Protein backbone atom coordinates (compact mmCIF):
# COMPACT_ATOMS: atom_id res chain seq x y z
CA MET A 1 -70.29 151.48 -72.77
CA LYS A 2 -73.02 153.64 -71.22
CA LEU A 3 -72.01 156.53 -73.46
CA PHE A 4 -72.32 154.35 -76.56
CA THR A 5 -75.79 153.20 -75.46
CA LEU A 6 -76.82 156.78 -74.81
CA ILE A 7 -75.61 157.90 -78.26
CA LEU A 8 -77.42 154.99 -79.89
CA CYS A 9 -80.66 155.84 -78.07
CA MET A 10 -80.37 159.51 -79.05
CA ALA A 11 -79.84 158.60 -82.70
CA ALA A 12 -82.88 156.32 -82.68
CA TRP A 13 -84.97 159.01 -80.99
CA MET A 14 -83.97 161.58 -83.62
CA ILE A 15 -85.01 159.21 -86.41
CA VAL A 16 -88.41 158.68 -84.80
CA VAL A 17 -88.94 162.39 -84.18
CA ASN A 18 -88.03 163.31 -87.78
CA ALA A 19 -90.22 160.58 -89.26
CA GLU A 20 -93.50 161.83 -90.62
CA VAL A 21 -96.65 159.88 -91.27
CA LEU A 22 -98.38 160.31 -94.63
CA LYS A 23 -101.83 159.11 -95.58
CA TYR A 24 -102.35 157.80 -99.12
CA LEU A 25 -105.96 157.82 -100.30
CA TYR A 26 -106.84 155.44 -103.14
CA LYS A 27 -109.81 156.27 -105.37
CA GLY A 28 -113.04 154.79 -104.03
CA LEU A 29 -111.73 153.85 -100.58
CA PRO A 30 -113.13 155.63 -97.51
CA GLN A 31 -109.99 155.22 -95.37
CA PRO A 32 -106.42 156.18 -96.36
CA THR A 33 -103.40 153.90 -96.14
CA VAL A 34 -100.87 155.14 -93.57
CA GLN A 35 -97.12 155.03 -94.35
CA MET A 36 -93.98 156.73 -93.10
CA THR A 37 -92.15 159.18 -95.36
CA ALA A 38 -89.42 157.89 -97.67
CA GLN A 39 -91.23 154.58 -98.22
CA CYS A 40 -92.22 153.34 -101.64
CA VAL A 41 -95.98 153.12 -102.14
CA PRO A 42 -97.58 151.36 -105.13
CA PHE A 43 -99.54 153.74 -107.33
CA PHE A 44 -102.31 151.14 -107.66
CA ASP A 45 -103.69 149.18 -104.70
CA GLN A 46 -104.29 145.41 -104.79
CA SER A 47 -107.68 145.94 -106.43
CA GLY A 48 -106.24 148.17 -109.16
CA ARG A 49 -107.54 151.47 -107.76
CA PRO A 50 -105.23 154.43 -108.53
CA LEU A 51 -103.81 156.74 -105.90
CA GLN A 52 -106.03 159.80 -105.58
CA SER A 53 -104.28 162.00 -103.03
CA VAL A 54 -101.65 162.28 -100.31
CA ILE A 55 -102.66 163.73 -96.95
CA THR A 56 -99.87 165.39 -94.97
CA ARG A 57 -99.39 167.87 -92.14
CA SER A 58 -96.32 169.55 -93.60
CA TYR A 59 -94.36 170.25 -96.79
CA ILE A 60 -93.48 167.08 -98.74
CA TYR A 61 -91.55 166.28 -101.89
CA CYS A 62 -92.79 163.33 -103.99
CA PHE A 63 -91.19 161.29 -106.78
CA PHE A 64 -92.95 159.13 -109.37
CA TYR A 65 -91.42 155.80 -110.41
CA GLU A 66 -91.93 153.54 -113.41
CA ASP A 67 -91.98 150.43 -111.19
CA SER A 68 -93.87 149.58 -108.01
CA GLY A 69 -90.61 149.00 -106.11
CA CYS A 70 -89.45 152.60 -106.69
CA HIS A 71 -86.21 151.67 -108.44
CA ASP A 72 -86.63 153.36 -111.85
CA ILE A 73 -87.50 157.04 -111.55
CA SER A 74 -89.96 158.29 -114.11
CA THR A 75 -88.66 160.24 -117.07
CA TRP A 76 -91.57 162.68 -117.21
CA LYS A 77 -89.92 166.07 -116.99
CA GLN A 78 -92.82 167.88 -115.32
CA GLN A 79 -94.00 164.95 -113.21
CA THR A 80 -90.80 163.33 -111.93
CA HIS A 81 -91.17 165.15 -108.64
CA PHE A 82 -93.39 167.76 -107.11
CA PRO A 83 -93.29 169.81 -103.94
CA ALA A 84 -96.59 170.03 -102.09
CA GLU A 85 -97.90 172.07 -99.21
CA ALA A 86 -99.70 170.55 -96.23
CA GLY A 87 -103.23 169.25 -96.62
CA ASN A 88 -105.00 166.86 -98.97
CA ILE A 89 -102.89 166.94 -102.13
CA PRO A 90 -104.50 165.60 -105.33
CA ILE A 91 -102.18 163.47 -107.45
CA LYS A 92 -101.90 164.55 -111.09
CA TYR A 93 -100.03 162.38 -113.55
CA ASN A 94 -99.42 161.90 -117.24
CA THR A 95 -100.44 158.85 -119.25
CA PRO A 96 -99.30 156.15 -118.77
CA PRO A 97 -99.58 156.45 -114.99
CA PRO A 98 -96.61 155.77 -112.73
CA GLN A 99 -96.34 152.46 -110.88
CA GLY A 100 -94.83 153.75 -107.64
CA ILE A 101 -94.56 156.94 -105.61
CA MET A 102 -92.30 157.98 -102.76
CA CYS A 103 -92.85 161.13 -100.71
CA MET A 104 -90.36 162.66 -98.32
CA GLY A 105 -90.54 165.41 -95.78
CA GLN A 106 -88.62 168.61 -96.29
CA ASN A 107 -85.88 167.43 -93.89
CA ASN A 108 -84.99 164.36 -95.98
CA ARG A 109 -85.42 165.68 -99.54
CA SER A 110 -81.88 164.78 -100.50
CA LEU A 111 -82.43 161.01 -100.10
């Protein structure tokens, strides 16, 4: 039983260690919204402001979605996903804009 508990604790620790925090900056807001990687984020905030940039400390891979729940991936060939280096990454999109975005770290790109 102790071995099972130890394995469970190690698995939880690995998930926490691999999780990365991203900051999503909406246009006109001074402070970014903080989310973990691999979480769906609405492209527009509650006031209708569009997402301006993603702030990250490492390489990320982002996907655009046609719905705010991140169920229907966008069909834009050039904009469906984009790799981005660390820093403040401006979001560029086609018209009409996406409704949701999900960014993942390099370790969980295959999700």
